[in-house]
Protein backbone atom coordinates (compact mmCIF):
# COMPACT_ATOMS: atom_id res chain seq x y z
CA MET A 1 -9.49 20.68 3.49
CA PRO A 2 -8.70 17.44 5.43
CA ARG A 3 -9.79 14.15 3.91
CA HIS A 4 -12.30 12.07 5.82
CA PRO A 5 -11.69 8.34 6.15
CA ASP A 6 -14.02 6.19 4.10
CA PRO A 7 -15.45 3.51 6.44
CA ASP A 8 -16.56 1.38 3.49
CA LEU A 9 -13.28 1.47 1.62
CA GLU A 10 -11.85 -1.79 2.98
CA ALA A 11 -15.02 -3.68 2.02
CA ARG A 12 -14.96 -2.06 -1.45
CA ILE A 13 -11.33 -3.03 -1.91
CA LEU A 14 -12.04 -6.65 -0.96
CA LYS A 15 -15.10 -6.76 -3.20
CA ALA A 16 -13.10 -5.33 -6.11
CA ALA A 17 -10.22 -7.76 -5.53
CA ASP A 18 -12.65 -10.65 -5.28
CA SER A 19 -14.33 -9.62 -8.53
CA LEU A 20 -11.02 -9.27 -10.34
CA TRP A 21 -9.97 -12.70 -9.13
CA ILE A 22 -13.23 -14.35 -10.19
CA ARG A 23 -13.00 -12.82 -13.67
CA GLY A 24 -9.28 -13.09 -14.34
CA GLY A 25 -7.53 -15.25 -11.78
CA ALA A 26 -4.07 -14.50 -10.39
CA ARG A 27 -2.90 -12.32 -13.29
CA ALA A 28 -5.79 -9.88 -12.79
CA LEU A 29 -5.02 -9.31 -9.11
CA THR A 30 -2.58 -6.42 -8.94
CA MET A 31 -2.75 -3.70 -6.29
CA ARG A 32 -3.13 -1.07 -9.03
CA ALA A 33 -6.02 -2.92 -10.69
CA VAL A 34 -7.70 -3.43 -7.31
CA ALA A 35 -7.39 0.29 -6.52
CA ARG A 36 -8.87 1.23 -9.88
CA ALA A 37 -11.76 -1.25 -9.51
CA ALA A 38 -12.46 -0.02 -5.96
CA GLY A 39 -12.52 3.63 -7.05
CA THR A 40 -9.49 4.63 -5.03
CA ASN A 41 -5.73 4.90 -5.38
CA THR A 42 -2.95 2.40 -4.79
CA PRO A 43 -1.64 4.04 -1.57
CA ALA A 44 -5.13 3.74 -0.06
CA VAL A 45 -5.11 0.00 -0.80
CA TYR A 46 -1.68 -0.36 0.83
CA ARG A 47 -2.88 1.51 3.93
CA ARG A 48 -5.50 -1.18 4.46
CA PHE A 49 -3.62 -4.22 3.15
CA LYS A 50 0.14 -4.19 3.66
CA ASN A 51 0.78 -6.30 0.55
CA ARG A 52 -0.83 -8.58 -2.03
CA GLU A 53 -0.58 -11.54 0.36
CA ASP A 54 -2.61 -9.69 2.98
CA LEU A 55 -5.23 -8.85 0.34
CA VAL A 56 -5.36 -12.48 -0.80
CA LYS A 57 -6.00 -13.58 2.81
CA GLY A 58 -9.05 -11.32 2.82
CA ILE A 59 -10.29 -12.86 -0.41
CA LEU A 60 -9.68 -16.36 0.95
CA LEU A 61 -11.99 -15.64 3.86
CA ARG A 62 -14.68 -14.49 1.41
CA VAL A 63 -14.25 -17.66 -0.69
CA GLY A 64 -14.51 -19.78 2.46
CA ASP A 65 -17.73 -17.98 3.33
CA ARG A 66 -19.13 -18.71 -0.14
CA ILE A 67 -18.24 -22.39 0.16
CA ARG A 68 -19.86 -22.61 3.59
CA ALA A 69 -22.98 -20.78 2.39
CA ARG A 70 -23.26 -23.36 -0.35
CA PHE A 71 -23.42 -26.37 1.96
CA GLN A 72 -24.27 -25.16 5.47
CA HIS A 73 -28.00 -25.89 5.18
CA ARG A 74 -27.55 -29.43 3.92
CA LYS A 75 -28.87 -32.19 6.11
CA SER A 76 -26.28 -34.86 5.36
CA LEU A 77 -22.54 -35.16 4.87
CA GLU A 78 -23.18 -36.65 1.43
CA GLU A 79 -25.14 -33.58 0.35
CA MET A 80 -22.42 -31.30 1.75
CA ALA A 81 -19.72 -33.15 -0.18
CA GLU A 82 -21.77 -32.94 -3.38
CA ASP A 83 -22.26 -29.19 -2.91
CA TYR A 84 -18.56 -28.70 -2.24
CA LEU A 85 -17.71 -30.46 -5.50
CA GLN A 86 -20.31 -28.49 -7.44
CA PHE A 87 -18.98 -25.23 -5.97
CA ALA A 88 -15.52 -26.06 -7.34
CA VAL A 89 -16.91 -26.84 -10.79
CA ASP A 90 -19.09 -23.71 -10.83
CA ASN A 91 -16.36 -21.41 -9.46
CA PRO A 92 -13.02 -22.56 -10.87
CA ASN A 93 -11.14 -19.31 -10.13
CA ASP A 94 -12.35 -19.27 -6.52
CA TYR A 95 -11.34 -22.88 -6.16
CA GLN A 96 -7.96 -22.29 -7.77
CA LEU A 97 -7.28 -19.34 -5.45
CA PHE A 98 -8.20 -21.34 -2.43
CA TYR A 99 -5.82 -24.16 -3.20
CA MET A 100 -3.01 -22.04 -4.59
CA GLU A 101 -3.00 -19.69 -1.63
CA ALA A 102 -4.62 -21.60 1.26
CA HIS A 103 -1.20 -21.94 2.93
CA LEU A 104 -1.51 -18.23 3.80
CA MET A 105 -4.22 -19.17 6.28
CA ASN A 106 -1.93 -21.55 8.17
CA PRO A 107 -0.94 -20.14 11.54
CA PRO A 108 2.80 -19.86 12.10
CA ARG A 109 4.09 -22.75 14.19
CA LYS A 110 6.68 -22.11 16.82
CA GLN A 111 9.40 -24.64 17.53
CA GLY A 112 8.08 -27.21 20.00
CA ALA A 113 4.53 -25.83 19.97
CA ARG A 114 1.61 -28.22 19.78
CA LEU A 115 0.14 -28.91 16.38
CA ALA A 116 -3.00 -26.79 16.04
CA PRO A 117 -6.17 -28.61 14.95
CA ILE A 118 -7.07 -27.99 11.30
CA ARG A 119 -10.38 -26.38 12.32
CA GLU A 120 -8.46 -23.45 13.82
CA SER A 121 -7.24 -22.26 10.42
CA ARG A 122 -10.01 -23.76 8.27
CA PRO A 123 -13.44 -22.87 9.70
CA ASN A 124 -15.21 -24.96 7.05
CA PHE A 125 -13.28 -28.01 8.21
CA GLY A 126 -14.64 -27.46 11.71
CA PHE A 127 -18.10 -27.03 10.23
CA VAL A 128 -17.82 -30.50 8.61
CA GLU A 129 -16.65 -32.00 11.93
CA GLN A 130 -19.72 -30.47 13.60
CA ALA A 131 -22.03 -31.81 10.88
CA ALA A 132 -20.51 -35.27 11.31
CA ALA A 133 -21.11 -35.12 15.08
CA ARG A 134 -24.77 -34.22 14.47
CA GLU A 135 -25.21 -36.97 11.88
CA LEU A 136 -23.27 -39.75 13.59
CA GLY A 137 -23.32 -38.73 17.27
CA GLY A 138 -20.34 -37.77 19.36
CA ALA A 139 -18.10 -34.73 19.63
CA PRO A 140 -16.84 -32.79 16.58
CA GLU A 141 -13.20 -33.47 17.55
CA GLU A 142 -13.83 -37.21 17.02
CA PHE A 143 -14.39 -36.66 13.29
CA THR A 144 -11.15 -35.11 12.10
CA GLU A 145 -10.18 -38.18 10.05
CA LEU A 146 -13.65 -38.39 8.52
CA ALA A 147 -13.52 -34.71 7.55
CA LEU A 148 -10.01 -35.19 6.10
CA GLY A 149 -11.22 -38.18 4.09
CA LEU A 150 -14.17 -36.26 2.67
CA TRP A 151 -11.94 -33.30 1.88
CA ALA A 152 -9.39 -35.50 0.12
CA ILE A 153 -12.03 -37.21 -2.02
CA ALA A 154 -13.78 -33.94 -2.90
CA HIS A 155 -10.57 -32.07 -3.66
CA GLY A 156 -9.16 -34.89 -5.76
CA THR A 157 -12.35 -35.15 -7.77
CA ALA A 158 -12.62 -31.37 -8.18
CA THR A 159 -9.01 -31.17 -9.35
CA MET A 160 -9.56 -33.94 -11.88
CA LEU A 161 -12.70 -32.27 -13.23
CA LEU A 162 -11.24 -28.76 -13.38
CA ASN A 163 -8.00 -29.88 -15.01
CA GLU A 164 -9.81 -32.22 -17.40
CA VAL A 165 -7.57 -35.09 -16.33
CA ILE A 166 -9.98 -37.76 -17.50
CA PRO A 167 -11.09 -38.09 -21.12
CA LYS A 168 -14.23 -36.18 -22.14
CA GLY A 169 -17.41 -38.12 -21.51
CA HIS A 170 -16.11 -39.91 -18.41
CA GLU A 171 -17.15 -37.18 -15.97
CA PRO A 172 -20.35 -39.01 -14.93
CA ALA A 173 -18.32 -42.09 -14.01
CA LEU A 174 -15.92 -39.95 -11.97
CA ARG A 175 -18.83 -38.31 -10.14
CA LYS A 176 -20.30 -41.75 -9.42
CA ALA A 177 -16.95 -42.88 -8.03
CA PHE A 178 -16.83 -39.70 -5.94
CA ARG A 179 -20.24 -40.48 -4.42
CA MET A 180 -19.14 -44.08 -3.75
CA GLY A 181 -15.99 -42.82 -2.01
CA VAL A 182 -17.97 -40.36 0.13
CA LYS A 183 -20.43 -43.08 1.14
CA GLY A 184 -17.56 -45.44 1.92
CA VAL A 185 -15.75 -42.97 4.18
CA ILE A 186 -18.99 -42.18 6.04
CA ALA A 187 -19.85 -45.88 6.36
CA GLN A 188 -16.36 -46.60 7.75
CA ALA A 189 -16.78 -43.82 10.32
CA LYS A 190 -20.19 -45.20 11.35
CA SER A 191 -18.81 -48.73 11.60
CA SER A 192 -15.84 -47.71 13.74
CA ARG A 193 -18.16 -45.84 16.12
CA GLN A 194 -20.35 -48.94 16.54
CA GLY A 195 -17.72 -51.35 17.40
């Protein structure tokens, strides 16, 4: 009897891989473990994802969606930055995956080709540019440096918190400094638009 393709299998595989990653990080994410967790076999996983890298790209998109869902309804850039930081603290394996493997989302660059805007490979970056345009006026493309500044501050703070770089008990001071940095970058962007 011929086998019928399972239209939900790819989604189940991604969900299983995502779950394994959240629970166990990089070591837990093997094609065999994913197949087992998805209720299928390893060849079926390879038919849908050519290799582990391809599977990780799928998970990265899911993580990006979770980050965006966390801050997309916020009214201000400050609130979005705070939610981004809290997402990292609440989801350390997701955050670790994103920054260990985010290079997989970079489009290949051909010799002599123009440099693609960051928003093309990082939809959440474009979302921040759009939020800045709504908050400060102007076109999203005018806010690439602001979005980079916010990203740098948030990622640096998240990394310091997750890796326990600062001595215990100093986390509130770091978060206060984070908020000051976010406000400063936004204030600088406002000031440069006014004059």
